[in-house]
Amino acid sequence: MIWSWNYFFFGVYPFIAGTTFLVGSAIRYEREQYGWSSFSSQILASKRYMMWASNLWHVGILTLFLGHFTGFLTNILEWLGADPVEHQWIAASAGITAGVLAMIGGLMLLLRRLLDPKVRYASRFMDIFILVWLLITLSFGLGTQFISVPDAVSGHV
């Protein structure tokens, strides 16, 4: 029974989630194309600060997304001769780096939303809620590295 749950959560569910994300986004874009808006507050902040915060956040998040996507290729990498321990080390070091970049950028964006009066006035509750939610999710992901990296050191994958 444990194997079947393991297979479902790590072998089937990621494909269900990815398909739901892609198909749902395409349907949403097709049906309500002009309903997507960001209520951008970029014009309300200093360009230099916003450049750093936005770039750190987006580079970190996109790198994490691509890194998780390459997790689907684990079996292919093993077939090509990559050692699973090496794969885990590369994934962990790249993930920690990207996660820290995203965390710094996200915290900068959150502080800007909370402390800049103009940006605070232009922000809605959901803007702040979603950013906090993403930062909490990111902190859980970074927190798992304290468990997985020592396992990689001891040779457990």
N, C-alpha and C. Protein backbone atom coordinates (compact mmCIF):
# COMPACT_ATOMS: atom_id res chain seq x y z
N MET A 1 0.82 -1.20 0.00
CA MET A 1 0.00 0.00 0.00
C MET A 1 0.86 1.26 0.00
N ILE A 2 1.99 1.24 0.72
CA ILE A 2 2.86 2.41 0.75
C ILE A 2 3.40 2.69 -0.64
N TRP A 3 3.79 1.64 -1.36
CA TRP A 3 4.34 1.83 -2.70
C TRP A 3 3.33 2.50 -3.62
N SER A 4 2.07 2.11 -3.51
CA SER A 4 1.07 2.68 -4.41
C SER A 4 0.86 4.17 -4.12
N TRP A 5 0.87 4.57 -2.85
CA TRP A 5 0.75 5.99 -2.53
C TRP A 5 1.99 6.74 -3.00
N ASN A 6 3.14 6.14 -2.79
CA ASN A 6 4.38 6.76 -3.24
C ASN A 6 4.35 6.95 -4.75
N TYR A 7 3.92 5.92 -5.46
CA TYR A 7 3.84 6.00 -6.92
C TYR A 7 2.85 7.09 -7.34
N PHE A 8 1.71 7.17 -6.65
CA PHE A 8 0.71 8.17 -7.00
C PHE A 8 1.24 9.58 -6.78
N PHE A 9 1.78 9.85 -5.58
CA PHE A 9 2.20 11.21 -5.25
C PHE A 9 3.43 11.67 -6.01
N PHE A 10 4.32 10.75 -6.36
CA PHE A 10 5.55 11.16 -7.03
C PHE A 10 5.64 10.72 -8.48
N GLY A 11 4.74 9.86 -8.93
CA GLY A 11 4.77 9.39 -10.30
C GLY A 11 3.59 9.84 -11.13
N VAL A 12 2.44 10.03 -10.50
CA VAL A 12 1.23 10.38 -11.23
C VAL A 12 0.81 11.83 -10.96
N TYR A 13 0.75 12.21 -9.69
CA TYR A 13 0.23 13.52 -9.31
C TYR A 13 0.97 14.69 -9.97
N PRO A 14 2.31 14.67 -10.07
CA PRO A 14 2.97 15.80 -10.74
C PRO A 14 2.47 16.03 -12.16
N PHE A 15 2.16 14.96 -12.87
CA PHE A 15 1.64 15.11 -14.23
C PHE A 15 0.21 15.65 -14.22
N ILE A 16 -0.58 15.24 -13.24
CA ILE A 16 -1.94 15.78 -13.11
C ILE A 16 -1.88 17.27 -12.81
N ALA A 17 -1.02 17.66 -11.87
CA ALA A 17 -0.89 19.07 -11.50
C ALA A 17 -0.37 19.90 -12.67
N GLY A 18 0.63 19.40 -13.37
CA GLY A 18 1.18 20.12 -14.51
C GLY A 18 0.17 20.29 -15.63
N THR A 19 -0.57 19.23 -15.91
CA THR A 19 -1.59 19.29 -16.96
C THR A 19 -2.69 20.26 -16.57
N THR A 20 -3.13 20.22 -15.31
CA THR A 20 -4.15 21.14 -14.83
C THR A 20 -3.68 22.58 -14.96
N PHE A 21 -2.43 22.83 -14.60
CA PHE A 21 -1.86 24.17 -14.70
C PHE A 21 -1.86 24.66 -16.15
N LEU A 22 -1.35 23.85 -17.06
CA LEU A 22 -1.24 24.27 -18.46
C LEU A 22 -2.60 24.41 -19.13
N VAL A 23 -3.45 23.40 -18.98
CA VAL A 23 -4.77 23.45 -19.61
C VAL A 23 -5.63 24.55 -18.99
N GLY A 24 -5.60 24.65 -17.66
CA GLY A 24 -6.38 25.69 -16.98
C GLY A 24 -5.95 27.09 -17.38
N SER A 25 -4.64 27.30 -17.48
CA SER A 25 -4.13 28.61 -17.90
C SER A 25 -4.55 28.93 -19.33
N ALA A 26 -4.47 27.94 -20.21
CA ALA A 26 -4.86 28.16 -21.61
C ALA A 26 -6.35 28.48 -21.71
N ILE A 27 -7.18 27.74 -20.98
CA ILE A 27 -8.62 28.00 -21.02
C ILE A 27 -8.93 29.37 -20.45
N ARG A 28 -8.31 29.72 -19.33
CA ARG A 28 -8.55 31.02 -18.70
C ARG A 28 -8.13 32.15 -19.64
N TYR A 29 -6.99 31.98 -20.29
CA TYR A 29 -6.51 33.01 -21.22
C TYR A 29 -7.44 33.13 -22.42
N GLU A 30 -7.92 32.01 -22.91
CA GLU A 30 -8.79 32.02 -24.09
C GLU A 30 -10.16 32.63 -23.78
N ARG A 31 -10.70 32.34 -22.61
CA ARG A 31 -12.06 32.80 -22.28
C ARG A 31 -12.09 34.23 -21.76
N GLU A 32 -11.11 34.62 -20.95
CA GLU A 32 -11.11 35.96 -20.36
C GLU A 32 -9.74 36.59 -20.52
N GLN A 33 -9.35 36.75 -21.73
CA GLN A 33 -8.02 37.25 -22.05
C GLN A 33 -7.75 38.62 -21.43
N TYR A 34 -8.73 39.48 -21.43
CA TYR A 34 -8.52 40.83 -20.92
C TYR A 34 -8.89 40.95 -19.45
N GLY A 35 -9.22 39.84 -18.81
CA GLY A 35 -9.50 39.85 -17.38
C GLY A 35 -8.23 39.73 -16.56
N TRP A 36 -7.13 39.43 -17.21
CA TRP A 36 -5.85 39.33 -16.51
C TRP A 36 -5.26 40.72 -16.38
N SER A 37 -5.04 41.13 -15.17
CA SER A 37 -4.35 42.40 -14.95
C SER A 37 -3.54 42.29 -13.67
N SER A 38 -2.54 43.11 -13.57
CA SER A 38 -1.67 43.02 -12.41
C SER A 38 -1.80 44.22 -11.50
N PHE A 39 -2.55 45.21 -11.90
CA PHE A 39 -2.60 46.46 -11.15
C PHE A 39 -1.17 46.86 -10.81
N SER A 40 -0.35 46.93 -11.82
CA SER A 40 1.09 47.14 -11.65
C SER A 40 1.38 48.38 -10.84
N SER A 41 2.30 48.22 -9.90
CA SER A 41 2.73 49.34 -9.09
C SER A 41 4.18 49.68 -9.38
N GLN A 42 4.70 49.21 -10.50
CA GLN A 42 6.10 49.46 -10.82
C GLN A 42 6.39 50.95 -11.01
N ILE A 43 5.43 51.70 -11.48
CA ILE A 43 5.67 53.12 -11.70
C ILE A 43 5.68 53.91 -10.39
N LEU A 44 5.29 53.28 -9.30
CA LEU A 44 5.21 53.98 -8.03
C LEU A 44 6.47 53.83 -7.18
N ALA A 45 7.44 53.09 -7.63
CA ALA A 45 8.64 52.86 -6.83
C ALA A 45 9.88 53.27 -7.62
N SER A 46 10.99 53.35 -6.89
CA SER A 46 12.25 53.70 -7.56
C SER A 46 12.63 52.58 -8.52
N LYS A 47 13.13 52.97 -9.67
CA LYS A 47 13.44 51.99 -10.71
C LYS A 47 14.56 51.05 -10.28
N ARG A 48 15.55 51.57 -9.58
CA ARG A 48 16.69 50.73 -9.19
C ARG A 48 16.25 49.66 -8.19
N TYR A 49 15.50 50.04 -7.17
CA TYR A 49 15.03 49.09 -6.16
C TYR A 49 14.11 48.05 -6.80
N MET A 50 13.21 48.53 -7.65
CA MET A 50 12.27 47.63 -8.31
C MET A 50 12.99 46.67 -9.24
N MET A 51 14.04 47.14 -9.91
CA MET A 51 14.80 46.28 -10.81
C MET A 51 15.42 45.12 -10.03
N TRP A 52 16.04 45.42 -8.90
CA TRP A 52 16.66 44.35 -8.10
C TRP A 52 15.61 43.39 -7.56
N ALA A 53 14.56 43.91 -6.96
CA ALA A 53 13.54 43.05 -6.35
C ALA A 53 12.87 42.17 -7.40
N SER A 54 12.45 42.77 -8.49
CA SER A 54 11.74 42.02 -9.52
C SER A 54 12.63 40.99 -10.19
N ASN A 55 13.87 41.37 -10.51
CA ASN A 55 14.78 40.43 -11.16
C ASN A 55 15.15 39.27 -10.25
N LEU A 56 15.46 39.55 -8.99
CA LEU A 56 15.79 38.46 -8.06
C LEU A 56 14.62 37.50 -7.93
N TRP A 57 13.42 38.04 -7.77
CA TRP A 57 12.23 37.21 -7.62
C TRP A 57 12.00 36.35 -8.87
N HIS A 58 11.98 36.98 -10.02
CA HIS A 58 11.63 36.24 -11.24
C HIS A 58 12.71 35.26 -11.67
N VAL A 59 13.97 35.63 -11.57
CA VAL A 59 15.04 34.68 -11.90
C VAL A 59 14.99 33.49 -10.96
N GLY A 60 14.80 33.75 -9.66
CA GLY A 60 14.73 32.65 -8.70
C GLY A 60 13.55 31.73 -8.94
N ILE A 61 12.37 32.30 -9.13
CA ILE A 61 11.16 31.49 -9.32
C ILE A 61 11.21 30.71 -10.63
N LEU A 62 11.65 31.35 -11.71
CA LEU A 62 11.72 30.64 -12.99
C LEU A 62 12.77 29.53 -12.95
N THR A 63 13.89 29.77 -12.28
CA THR A 63 14.90 28.72 -12.14
C THR A 63 14.35 27.56 -11.32
N LEU A 64 13.62 27.86 -10.26
CA LEU A 64 13.01 26.79 -9.47
C LEU A 64 12.00 26.00 -10.29
N PHE A 65 11.20 26.70 -11.08
CA PHE A 65 10.22 26.02 -11.93
C PHE A 65 10.91 25.08 -12.91
N LEU A 66 11.94 25.58 -13.58
CA LEU A 66 12.66 24.75 -14.54
C LEU A 66 13.37 23.60 -13.84
N GLY A 67 13.89 23.84 -12.65
CA GLY A 67 14.53 22.77 -11.89
C GLY A 67 13.56 21.67 -11.51
N HIS A 68 12.36 22.05 -11.10
CA HIS A 68 11.36 21.03 -10.78
C HIS A 68 10.92 20.30 -12.05
N PHE A 69 10.86 21.02 -13.15
CA PHE A 69 10.50 20.38 -14.42
C PHE A 69 11.54 19.34 -14.81
N THR A 70 12.82 19.62 -14.58
CA THR A 70 13.85 18.64 -14.92
C THR A 70 13.78 17.42 -14.02
N GLY A 71 13.07 17.53 -12.91
CA GLY A 71 12.84 16.35 -12.07
C GLY A 71 12.10 15.25 -12.81
N PHE A 72 11.32 15.65 -13.82
CA PHE A 72 10.64 14.65 -14.64
C PHE A 72 11.63 13.85 -15.48
N LEU A 73 12.83 14.40 -15.66
CA LEU A 73 13.83 13.76 -16.51
C LEU A 73 14.79 12.86 -15.73
N THR A 74 14.52 12.63 -14.45
CA THR A 74 15.43 11.85 -13.61
C THR A 74 15.71 10.48 -14.20
N ASN A 75 14.70 9.78 -14.64
CA ASN A 75 14.91 8.45 -15.20
C ASN A 75 15.73 8.51 -16.48
N ILE A 76 15.52 9.53 -17.27
CA ILE A 76 16.31 9.68 -18.50
C ILE A 76 17.77 9.95 -18.16
N LEU A 77 18.01 10.79 -17.15
CA LEU A 77 19.38 11.08 -16.75
C LEU A 77 20.08 9.84 -16.22
N GLU A 78 19.36 9.02 -15.46
CA GLU A 78 19.94 7.77 -14.98
C GLU A 78 20.24 6.83 -16.14
N TRP A 79 19.36 6.80 -17.12
CA TRP A 79 19.57 5.96 -18.29
C TRP A 79 20.80 6.40 -19.07
N LEU A 80 21.06 7.73 -19.06
CA LEU A 80 22.23 8.26 -19.75
C LEU A 80 23.52 8.09 -18.94
N GLY A 81 23.40 7.58 -17.72
CA GLY A 81 24.58 7.29 -16.91
C GLY A 81 24.86 8.26 -15.78
N ALA A 82 23.96 9.19 -15.52
CA ALA A 82 24.18 10.13 -14.42
C ALA A 82 23.97 9.42 -13.09
N ASP A 83 24.86 9.67 -12.17
CA ASP A 83 24.77 9.09 -10.84
C ASP A 83 23.66 9.80 -10.05
N PRO A 84 22.77 9.06 -9.39
CA PRO A 84 21.68 9.71 -8.64
C PRO A 84 22.17 10.66 -7.55
N VAL A 85 23.29 10.33 -6.91
CA VAL A 85 23.82 11.22 -5.87
C VAL A 85 24.32 12.53 -6.49
N GLU A 86 24.99 12.44 -7.63
CA GLU A 86 25.43 13.65 -8.33
C GLU A 86 24.23 14.49 -8.76
N HIS A 87 23.21 13.82 -9.26
CA HIS A 87 21.99 14.53 -9.67
C HIS A 87 21.37 15.26 -8.49
N GLN A 88 21.34 14.62 -7.32
CA GLN A 88 20.75 15.26 -6.15
C GLN A 88 21.60 16.45 -5.70
N TRP A 89 22.91 16.33 -5.76
CA TRP A 89 23.78 17.44 -5.38
C TRP A 89 23.59 18.64 -6.30
N ILE A 90 23.52 18.39 -7.58
CA ILE A 90 23.32 19.48 -8.53
C ILE A 90 21.96 20.13 -8.30
N ALA A 91 20.94 19.29 -8.13
CA ALA A 91 19.58 19.82 -7.91
C ALA A 91 19.51 20.62 -6.61
N ALA A 92 20.14 20.11 -5.55
CA ALA A 92 20.07 20.79 -4.26
C ALA A 92 20.82 22.12 -4.30
N SER A 93 22.01 22.14 -4.87
CA SER A 93 22.78 23.39 -4.89
C SER A 93 22.11 24.43 -5.78
N ALA A 94 21.61 24.02 -6.93
CA ALA A 94 20.91 24.97 -7.80
C ALA A 94 19.60 25.43 -7.15
N GLY A 95 18.89 24.50 -6.49
CA GLY A 95 17.63 24.85 -5.85
C GLY A 95 17.81 25.79 -4.67
N ILE A 96 18.85 25.55 -3.87
CA ILE A 96 19.10 26.45 -2.74
C ILE A 96 19.46 27.84 -3.24
N THR A 97 20.31 27.91 -4.25
CA THR A 97 20.70 29.21 -4.80
C THR A 97 19.49 29.95 -5.36
N ALA A 98 18.70 29.28 -6.18
CA ALA A 98 17.52 29.91 -6.77
C ALA A 98 16.50 30.27 -5.69
N GLY A 99 16.34 29.41 -4.69
CA GLY A 99 15.40 29.68 -3.61
C GLY A 99 15.78 30.89 -2.80
N VAL A 100 17.07 31.04 -2.52
CA VAL A 100 17.53 32.21 -1.76
C VAL A 100 17.33 33.48 -2.58
N LEU A 101 17.63 33.42 -3.88
CA LEU A 101 17.39 34.59 -4.74
C LEU A 101 15.92 34.98 -4.74
N ALA A 102 15.05 33.99 -4.90
CA ALA A 102 13.61 34.27 -4.91
C ALA A 102 13.14 34.80 -3.56
N MET A 103 13.67 34.25 -2.47
CA MET A 103 13.27 34.70 -1.14
C MET A 103 13.68 36.16 -0.91
N ILE A 104 14.90 36.51 -1.28
CA ILE A 104 15.35 37.89 -1.11
C ILE A 104 14.49 38.83 -1.96
N GLY A 105 14.29 38.49 -3.22
CA GLY A 105 13.46 39.32 -4.09
C GLY A 105 12.03 39.42 -3.61
N GLY A 106 11.46 38.30 -3.17
CA GLY A 106 10.09 38.31 -2.67
C GLY A 106 9.93 39.14 -1.41
N LEU A 107 10.90 39.04 -0.51
CA LEU A 107 10.84 39.86 0.71
C LEU A 107 10.98 41.35 0.38
N MET A 108 11.83 41.66 -0.59
CA MET A 108 11.95 43.06 -1.02
C MET A 108 10.62 43.56 -1.60
N LEU A 109 9.97 42.74 -2.40
CA LEU A 109 8.68 43.14 -2.98
C LEU A 109 7.61 43.29 -1.90
N LEU A 110 7.62 42.38 -0.93
CA LEU A 110 6.63 42.46 0.16
C LEU A 110 6.86 43.71 1.00
N LEU A 111 8.11 43.97 1.36
CA LEU A 111 8.40 45.17 2.15
C LEU A 111 8.00 46.43 1.40
N ARG A 112 8.22 46.45 0.10
CA ARG A 112 7.81 47.59 -0.71
C ARG A 112 6.30 47.77 -0.65
N ARG A 113 5.57 46.66 -0.76
CA ARG A 113 4.10 46.75 -0.71
C ARG A 113 3.60 47.23 0.64
N LEU A 114 4.29 46.84 1.70
CA LEU A 114 3.83 47.18 3.04
C LEU A 114 4.30 48.56 3.51
N LEU A 115 5.49 48.98 3.10
CA LEU A 115 6.09 50.19 3.68
C LEU A 115 5.99 51.43 2.80
N ASP A 116 5.86 51.28 1.51
CA ASP A 116 5.74 52.43 0.63
C ASP A 116 4.27 52.86 0.58
N PRO A 117 3.96 54.08 1.06
CA PRO A 117 2.55 54.50 1.14
C PRO A 117 1.82 54.48 -0.21
N LYS A 118 2.50 54.89 -1.28
CA LYS A 118 1.84 54.90 -2.59
C LYS A 118 1.52 53.49 -3.06
N VAL A 119 2.48 52.59 -2.89
CA VAL A 119 2.28 51.21 -3.32
C VAL A 119 1.25 50.54 -2.43
N ARG A 120 1.28 50.83 -1.13
CA ARG A 120 0.31 50.26 -0.19
C ARG A 120 -1.11 50.69 -0.58
N TYR A 121 -1.26 51.94 -0.97
CA TYR A 121 -2.58 52.44 -1.37
C TYR A 121 -3.08 51.75 -2.63
N ALA A 122 -2.16 51.46 -3.56
CA ALA A 122 -2.54 50.82 -4.82
C ALA A 122 -2.71 49.31 -4.68
N SER A 123 -2.28 48.74 -3.55
CA SER A 123 -2.34 47.28 -3.36
C SER A 123 -3.70 46.86 -2.84
N ARG A 124 -4.10 45.68 -3.25
CA ARG A 124 -5.30 45.07 -2.70
C ARG A 124 -4.87 43.99 -1.71
N PHE A 125 -5.81 43.52 -0.92
CA PHE A 125 -5.52 42.49 0.07
C PHE A 125 -4.94 41.25 -0.60
N MET A 126 -5.51 40.85 -1.73
CA MET A 126 -5.06 39.63 -2.40
C MET A 126 -3.63 39.77 -2.93
N ASP A 127 -3.20 40.97 -3.29
CA ASP A 127 -1.82 41.17 -3.73
C ASP A 127 -0.85 40.76 -2.62
N ILE A 128 -1.13 41.24 -1.43
CA ILE A 128 -0.27 40.94 -0.28
C ILE A 128 -0.43 39.49 0.13
N PHE A 129 -1.66 38.99 0.16
CA PHE A 129 -1.92 37.61 0.57
C PHE A 129 -1.19 36.62 -0.33
N ILE A 130 -1.27 36.81 -1.64
CA ILE A 130 -0.62 35.88 -2.57
C ILE A 130 0.89 35.94 -2.43
N LEU A 131 1.44 37.12 -2.26
CA LEU A 131 2.88 37.24 -2.09
C LEU A 131 3.34 36.56 -0.80
N VAL A 132 2.59 36.75 0.29
CA VAL A 132 2.92 36.06 1.55
C VAL A 132 2.79 34.55 1.37
N TRP A 133 1.73 34.11 0.69
CA TRP A 133 1.53 32.67 0.45
C TRP A 133 2.70 32.07 -0.33
N LEU A 134 3.14 32.76 -1.37
CA LEU A 134 4.28 32.28 -2.16
C LEU A 134 5.56 32.24 -1.34
N LEU A 135 5.76 33.23 -0.48
CA LEU A 135 6.96 33.24 0.37
C LEU A 135 6.92 32.12 1.41
N ILE A 136 5.75 31.82 1.94
CA ILE A 136 5.62 30.69 2.88
C ILE A 136 5.91 29.38 2.15
N THR A 137 5.35 29.21 0.97
CA THR A 137 5.61 28.00 0.17
C THR A 137 7.09 27.88 -0.14
N LEU A 138 7.71 28.98 -0.50
CA LEU A 138 9.14 28.99 -0.79
C LEU A 138 9.96 28.62 0.45
N SER A 139 9.54 29.10 1.62
CA SER A 139 10.28 28.77 2.84
C SER A 139 10.15 27.29 3.18
N PHE A 140 9.00 26.68 2.90
CA PHE A 140 8.87 25.23 3.10
C PHE A 140 9.83 24.48 2.18
N GLY A 141 9.91 24.91 0.93
CA GLY A 141 10.82 24.27 -0.01
C GLY A 141 12.27 24.40 0.42
N LEU A 142 12.66 25.59 0.86
CA LEU A 142 14.03 25.77 1.34
C LEU A 142 14.27 24.98 2.62
N GLY A 143 13.24 24.87 3.45
CA GLY A 143 13.38 24.12 4.70
C GLY A 143 13.63 22.64 4.49
N THR A 144 13.12 22.09 3.40
CA THR A 144 13.35 20.66 3.15
C THR A 144 14.81 20.36 2.84
N GLN A 145 15.56 21.38 2.47
CA GLN A 145 16.97 21.16 2.15
C GLN A 145 17.77 20.73 3.38
N PHE A 146 17.32 21.11 4.57
CA PHE A 146 18.00 20.68 5.79
C PHE A 146 17.86 19.18 6.00
N ILE A 147 16.87 18.58 5.36
CA ILE A 147 16.67 17.13 5.45
C ILE A 147 17.34 16.41 4.29
N SER A 148 17.17 16.93 3.08
CA SER A 148 17.65 16.20 1.90
C SER A 148 19.16 16.31 1.69
N VAL A 149 19.77 17.44 2.01
CA VAL A 149 21.21 17.57 1.80
C VAL A 149 22.00 16.63 2.70
N PRO A 150 21.70 16.52 4.01
CA PRO A 150 22.44 15.53 4.82
C PRO A 150 22.25 14.10 4.33
N ASP A 151 21.09 13.78 3.78
CA ASP A 151 20.90 12.44 3.21
C ASP A 151 21.80 12.23 2.00
N ALA A 152 21.98 13.26 1.20
CA ALA A 152 22.86 13.13 0.03
C ALA A 152 24.31 12.96 0.47
N VAL A 153 24.69 13.63 1.56
CA VAL A 153 26.06 13.50 2.07
C VAL A 153 26.33 12.06 2.49
N SER A 154 25.33 11.43 3.11
CA SER A 154 25.50 10.05 3.57
C SER A 154 25.29 9.04 2.45
N GLY A 155 24.95 9.49 1.26
CA GLY A 155 24.81 8.59 0.12
C GLY A 155 23.41 8.07 -0.10
N HIS A 156 22.44 8.53 0.68
CA HIS A 156 21.05 8.12 0.49
C HIS A 156 20.37 9.07 -0.47
N VAL A 157 19.68 8.51 -1.43
CA VAL A 157 19.02 9.37 -2.42
C VAL A 157 17.54 9.31 -2.26
